[in-house]
Protein backbone atom coordinates (compact mmCIF):
# COMPACT_ATOMS: atom_id res chain seq x y z
CA UNK A 1 -73.32 -11.74 -124.72
CA UNK A 2 -69.76 -10.49 -125.46
CA UNK A 3 -67.42 -8.90 -122.93
CA UNK A 4 -67.68 -5.54 -124.73
CA UNK A 5 -71.45 -5.57 -124.27
CA UNK A 6 -71.09 -6.32 -120.54
CA UNK A 7 -68.00 -4.13 -119.83
CA UNK A 8 -67.30 -1.13 -122.12
CA UNK A 9 -63.66 -1.25 -121.03
CA UNK A 10 -62.83 -3.77 -123.74
CA UNK A 11 -64.14 -1.66 -126.62
CA UNK A 12 -62.34 1.42 -125.30
CA UNK A 13 -59.17 -0.63 -124.77
CA UNK A 14 -59.25 -1.94 -128.36
CA UNK A 15 -59.79 1.58 -129.74
CA UNK A 16 -56.93 2.97 -127.63
CA UNK A 17 -54.64 0.19 -128.81
CA UNK A 18 -55.56 0.89 -132.42
CA UNK A 19 -54.95 4.62 -131.96
CA UNK A 20 -51.57 4.07 -130.28
CA UNK A 21 -50.47 1.70 -133.06
CA UNK A 22 -51.46 4.34 -135.60
CA UNK A 23 -49.55 7.01 -133.65
CA UNK A 24 -46.41 4.84 -133.60
CA UNK A 25 -46.53 4.45 -137.39
CA UNK A 26 -46.98 8.18 -137.84
CA UNK A 27 -44.10 8.85 -135.48
CA UNK A 28 -41.81 6.63 -137.56
CA UNK A 29 -42.78 8.67 -140.61
CA UNK A 30 -42.20 11.84 -138.59
CA UNK A 31 -38.65 10.73 -137.79
CA UNK A 32 -37.93 9.91 -141.43
CA UNK A 33 -39.24 13.26 -142.65
CA UNK A 34 -37.24 15.03 -139.95
CA UNK A 35 -34.13 14.35 -142.06
CA UNK A 36 -35.51 16.57 -144.83
CA UNK A 37 -35.87 20.34 -144.98
CA UNK A 38 -38.83 20.57 -142.62
CA UNK A 39 -39.42 24.26 -143.30
CA UNK A 40 -40.48 23.54 -146.88
CA UNK A 41 -41.72 19.92 -146.58
CA UNK A 42 -45.51 20.02 -146.57
CA UNK A 43 -45.81 16.30 -145.76
CA UNK A 44 -43.74 16.77 -142.59
CA UNK A 45 -46.02 19.58 -141.50
CA UNK A 46 -49.12 17.45 -142.15
CA UNK A 47 -47.70 14.43 -140.28
CA UNK A 48 -46.64 16.57 -137.33
CA UNK A 49 -50.05 18.22 -137.15
CA UNK A 50 -51.84 14.86 -137.43
CA UNK A 51 -49.66 13.32 -134.71
CA UNK A 52 -50.41 16.14 -132.30
CA UNK A 53 -54.13 15.78 -132.95
CA UNK A 54 -54.11 11.97 -132.51
CA UNK A 55 -52.04 12.19 -129.30
CA UNK A 56 -54.43 14.71 -127.84
CA UNK A 57 -57.41 12.46 -128.64
CA UNK A 58 -55.87 9.23 -127.26
CA UNK A 59 -54.72 11.07 -124.12
CA UNK A 60 -58.37 11.77 -123.35
CA UNK A 61 -59.31 8.11 -123.80
CA UNK A 62 -56.39 6.91 -121.63
CA UNK A 63 -57.37 9.41 -118.96
CA UNK A 64 -60.92 8.08 -119.13
CA UNK A 65 -59.69 4.52 -118.56
CA UNK A 66 -57.52 5.66 -115.66
CA UNK A 67 -60.42 7.55 -114.06
CA UNK A 68 -62.60 4.48 -114.41
CA UNK A 69 -60.02 2.31 -112.66
CA UNK A 70 -59.71 4.87 -109.88
CA UNK A 71 -63.47 4.74 -109.43
CA UNK A 72 -63.33 0.94 -109.18
CA UNK A 73 -60.59 1.14 -106.54
CA UNK A 74 -62.69 3.54 -104.49
CA UNK A 75 -65.79 1.39 -104.79
CA UNK A 76 -64.45 -2.16 -104.57
CA UNK A 77 -67.66 -3.40 -102.95
CA UNK A 78 -69.74 -2.14 -105.85
CA UNK A 79 -67.36 -3.66 -108.44
CA UNK A 80 -66.61 -6.87 -106.56
CA UNK A 81 -66.97 -8.85 -109.77
CA UNK A 82 -63.64 -7.41 -110.96
CA UNK A 83 -60.78 -9.36 -109.50
CA UNK A 84 -57.65 -7.65 -108.30
CA UNK A 85 -55.65 -9.34 -111.04
CA UNK A 86 -57.99 -7.95 -113.72
CA UNK A 87 -57.75 -4.48 -112.27
CA UNK A 88 -53.96 -4.77 -112.16
CA UNK A 89 -53.91 -5.95 -115.79
CA UNK A 90 -56.01 -3.01 -116.84
CA UNK A 91 -53.78 -0.56 -114.99
CA UNK A 92 -50.74 -2.10 -116.64
CA UNK A 93 -52.31 -1.61 -120.09
CA UNK A 94 -53.20 2.01 -119.32
CA UNK A 95 -49.68 2.68 -118.05
CA UNK A 96 -48.10 1.07 -121.12
CA UNK A 97 -50.24 3.11 -123.51
CA UNK A 98 -49.53 6.28 -121.55
CA UNK A 99 -45.78 5.57 -121.59
CA UNK A 100 -45.78 5.02 -125.36
CA UNK A 101 -47.68 8.24 -125.97
CA UNK A 102 -45.52 10.18 -123.51
CA UNK A 103 -42.32 8.92 -125.16
CA UNK A 104 -43.60 9.98 -128.59
CA UNK A 105 -44.61 13.39 -127.26
CA UNK A 106 -41.17 13.81 -125.67
CA UNK A 107 -39.50 12.68 -128.89
CA UNK A 108 -41.45 15.21 -130.96
CA UNK A 109 -40.49 18.03 -128.56
CA UNK A 110 -36.93 16.91 -127.78
CA UNK A 111 -34.06 19.47 -127.86
CA UNK A 112 -32.56 17.72 -130.89
CA UNK A 113 -35.83 18.00 -132.80
CA UNK A 114 -36.24 21.64 -131.77
CA UNK A 115 -32.71 22.44 -132.94
CA UNK A 116 -33.39 20.74 -136.28
CA UNK A 117 -36.67 22.61 -136.75
CA UNK A 118 -35.11 25.93 -135.76
CA UNK A 119 -32.17 25.38 -138.11
CA UNK A 120 -34.52 24.54 -140.99
CA UNK A 121 -36.66 27.59 -140.22
CA UNK A 122 -33.60 29.84 -140.15
CA UNK A 123 -32.37 28.34 -143.40
CA UNK A 124 -35.80 28.85 -144.92
CA UNK A 125 -35.90 32.47 -143.76
CA UNK A 126 -32.46 33.10 -145.22
CA UNK A 127 -33.57 31.54 -148.48
CA UNK A 128 -36.76 33.55 -148.44
CA UNK A 129 -34.86 36.76 -147.64
CA UNK A 130 -32.41 35.94 -150.41
CA UNK A 131 -35.26 35.44 -152.85
CA UNK A 132 -36.89 38.67 -151.71
CA UNK A 133 -33.57 40.47 -152.07
CA UNK A 134 -33.10 39.03 -155.55
CA UNK A 135 -36.64 39.99 -156.51
CA UNK A 136 -36.09 43.54 -155.23
CA UNK A 137 -32.76 43.75 -157.03
CA UNK A 138 -34.35 42.51 -160.24
CA UNK A 139 -37.09 45.11 -159.88
CA UNK A 140 -34.46 47.84 -159.32
CA UNK A 141 -32.46 46.64 -162.32
CA UNK A 142 -35.59 46.60 -164.46
CA UNK A 143 -36.44 50.15 -163.35
CA UNK A 144 -32.90 51.28 -164.12
CA UNK A 145 -33.00 49.62 -167.53
CA UNK A 146 -36.34 51.27 -168.31
CA UNK A 147 -35.01 54.65 -167.14
CA UNK A 148 -31.84 54.33 -169.22
CA UNK A 149 -33.90 53.20 -172.21
CA UNK A 150 -36.27 56.15 -171.82
CA UNK A 151 -33.34 58.55 -171.52
CA UNK A 152 -31.75 57.11 -174.64
CA UNK A 153 -35.02 57.42 -176.52
CA UNK A 154 -35.46 61.03 -175.38
CA UNK A 155 -31.84 61.81 -176.29
CA UNK A 156 -32.30 60.34 -179.77
CA UNK A 157 -35.48 62.37 -180.20
CA UNK A 158 -33.71 65.58 -179.10
CA UNK A 159 -30.78 64.86 -181.44
CA UNK A 160 -33.17 64.18 -184.32
CA UNK A 161 -35.02 67.42 -183.58
CA UNK A 162 -31.72 69.30 -183.46
CA UNK A 163 -30.65 67.71 -186.75
CA UNK A 164 -33.95 68.79 -188.32
CA UNK A 165 -33.51 72.31 -186.95
CA UNK A 166 -29.94 72.46 -188.25
CA UNK A 167 -31.07 71.25 -191.66
CA UNK A 168 -33.80 73.91 -191.74
CA UNK A 169 -31.30 76.54 -190.59
CA UNK A 170 -28.83 75.41 -193.25
CA UNK A 171 -31.52 75.63 -195.90
CA UNK A 172 -32.45 79.13 -194.71
CA UNK A 173 -28.78 80.21 -194.77
CA UNK A 174 -28.43 78.81 -198.27
CA UNK A 175 -31.51 80.72 -199.39
CA UNK A 176 -30.10 83.91 -197.85
CA UNK A 177 -26.78 83.28 -199.58
CA UNK A 178 -28.53 82.85 -202.92
CA UNK A 179 -30.66 85.94 -202.28
CA UNK A 180 -27.55 87.91 -201.30
CA UNK A 181 -25.77 86.87 -204.48
CA UNK A 182 -28.83 87.86 -206.51
CA UNK A 183 -29.04 91.24 -204.76
CA UNK A 184 -25.31 91.78 -205.28
CA UNK A 185 -25.68 90.96 -208.97
CA UNK A 186 -28.62 93.36 -209.31
CA UNK A 187 -26.71 96.09 -207.45
CA UNK A 188 -23.76 95.64 -209.79
CA UNK A 189 -26.03 95.82 -212.81
CA UNK A 190 -27.75 98.90 -211.41
CA UNK A 191 -24.35 100.52 -210.77
CA UNK A 192 -23.36 99.80 -214.34
CA UNK A 193 -26.65 101.26 -215.55
CA UNK A 194 -26.15 104.32 -213.33
CA UNK A 195 -22.61 104.74 -214.68
CA UNK A 196 -23.89 104.52 -218.24
CA UNK A 197 -26.71 106.93 -217.43
CA UNK A 198 -24.20 109.35 -215.91
CA UNK A 199 -22.05 109.12 -219.01
CA UNK A 200 -25.04 109.73 -221.24
CA UNK A 201 -26.07 112.68 -219.08
CA UNK A 202 -22.55 114.09 -219.31
CA UNK A 203 -22.58 113.62 -223.08
CA UNK A 204 -26.00 115.20 -223.38
CA UNK A 205 -24.88 118.08 -221.18
CA UNK A 206 -21.90 118.68 -223.41
CA UNK A 207 -24.06 118.67 -226.46
CA UNK A 208 -26.55 120.96 -224.79
CA UNK A 209 -23.72 123.34 -224.01
CA UNK A 210 -22.70 123.27 -227.65
CA UNK A 211 -26.28 124.01 -228.67
CA UNK A 212 -26.46 126.89 -226.20
CA UNK A 213 -23.18 128.27 -227.57
CA UNK A 214 -24.43 127.93 -231.10
CA UNK A 215 -27.69 129.67 -230.24
CA UNK A 216 -25.73 132.41 -228.64
CA UNK A 217 -23.74 132.94 -231.79
CA UNK A 218 -26.92 132.74 -233.85
CA UNK A 219 -28.49 135.49 -231.84
CA UNK A 220 -25.44 137.67 -232.34
CA UNK A 221 -25.14 137.29 -236.16
CA UNK A 222 -27.23 138.67 -239.02
CA UNK A 223 -25.93 136.38 -241.71
CA UNK A 224 -28.74 134.12 -242.90
CA UNK A 225 -26.40 131.45 -244.14
CA UNK A 226 -24.67 131.12 -240.81
CA UNK A 227 -27.97 130.98 -239.03
CA UNK A 228 -29.14 128.04 -241.09
CA UNK A 229 -25.81 126.36 -240.67
CA UNK A 230 -26.07 126.69 -236.90
CA UNK A 231 -29.67 125.44 -236.87
CA UNK A 232 -28.72 122.37 -238.91
CA UNK A 233 -25.76 121.61 -236.68
CA UNK A 234 -27.94 122.01 -233.57
CA UNK A 235 -30.48 119.57 -234.98
CA UNK A 236 -27.68 117.14 -235.77
CA UNK A 237 -26.37 117.41 -232.20
CA UNK A 238 -29.82 116.89 -230.75
CA UNK A 239 -30.40 113.82 -232.93
CA UNK A 240 -27.08 112.31 -231.94
C-alpha cells in the first residue's frame, strides 16, 4: 500500500507542488507581457485572469494542509504515528508554498505593476478618445460634404430653371417684337390705304360738285344742244 493511500497528505502535497510550479511559469509570462501595451494585449489579460484563478485555488489547498497540521498538533496522541520531524517537514513545505504564492500575489499587485497598468489604461483611453474624436470629425466632415453637395445641386437646378425661364421669356419677347413689327407694317399699309381713300373721296367730291354745277346749269337752260352736252360731260365725269 502506497503512502498516498495511507495518508492523503502526499497526494495533496504533490498537487499543490504541481499547481505552484504552474503558477510560477504563468507569472514569468505575466512579467514578460507586462512590457507590452497591457490595455490592448488580450494574452496579458488572459494570463492575469488565469493566474488569479489558480492562486485562489491553490490558496485553498494550502490552507487545507495548514488546518490539517494544526489538527495534528492539537491531537498529538491521536496522531502519534507522525513524528515531530515529519510534522516539521510538512509545515516547512506549506510555508514555502505559501511564501511563493504570496510573493507572486504581491508582485502582481505591486505599485510598479499598478502604475504600468494605469499608464497603459490611460494611454488606451486617450487612443480610444482620439479614435472617437476622429470618427466624429469624419462624420461631421461627411455631413458637411453632403450638405455642400446638395446645395450645389440645388443651385445648379435653380440656375437651369432660371436659364429655361429666361429662354422662354426671350422667345416670348421675340414673338412680341415680330408681332409688333407686323402690326406696325399693317398700320402703315392701312394709313396708306386711308390716305388713298381720302384722296379718291376728295376727287369724287370734286367731280360730284362739277356734276351738281352742270345739272344746275342744265336746269336753267332751254337749249337742247347744251343739255345733251352737259349730260354727256356728266356721264364722262362719273365714269372717270
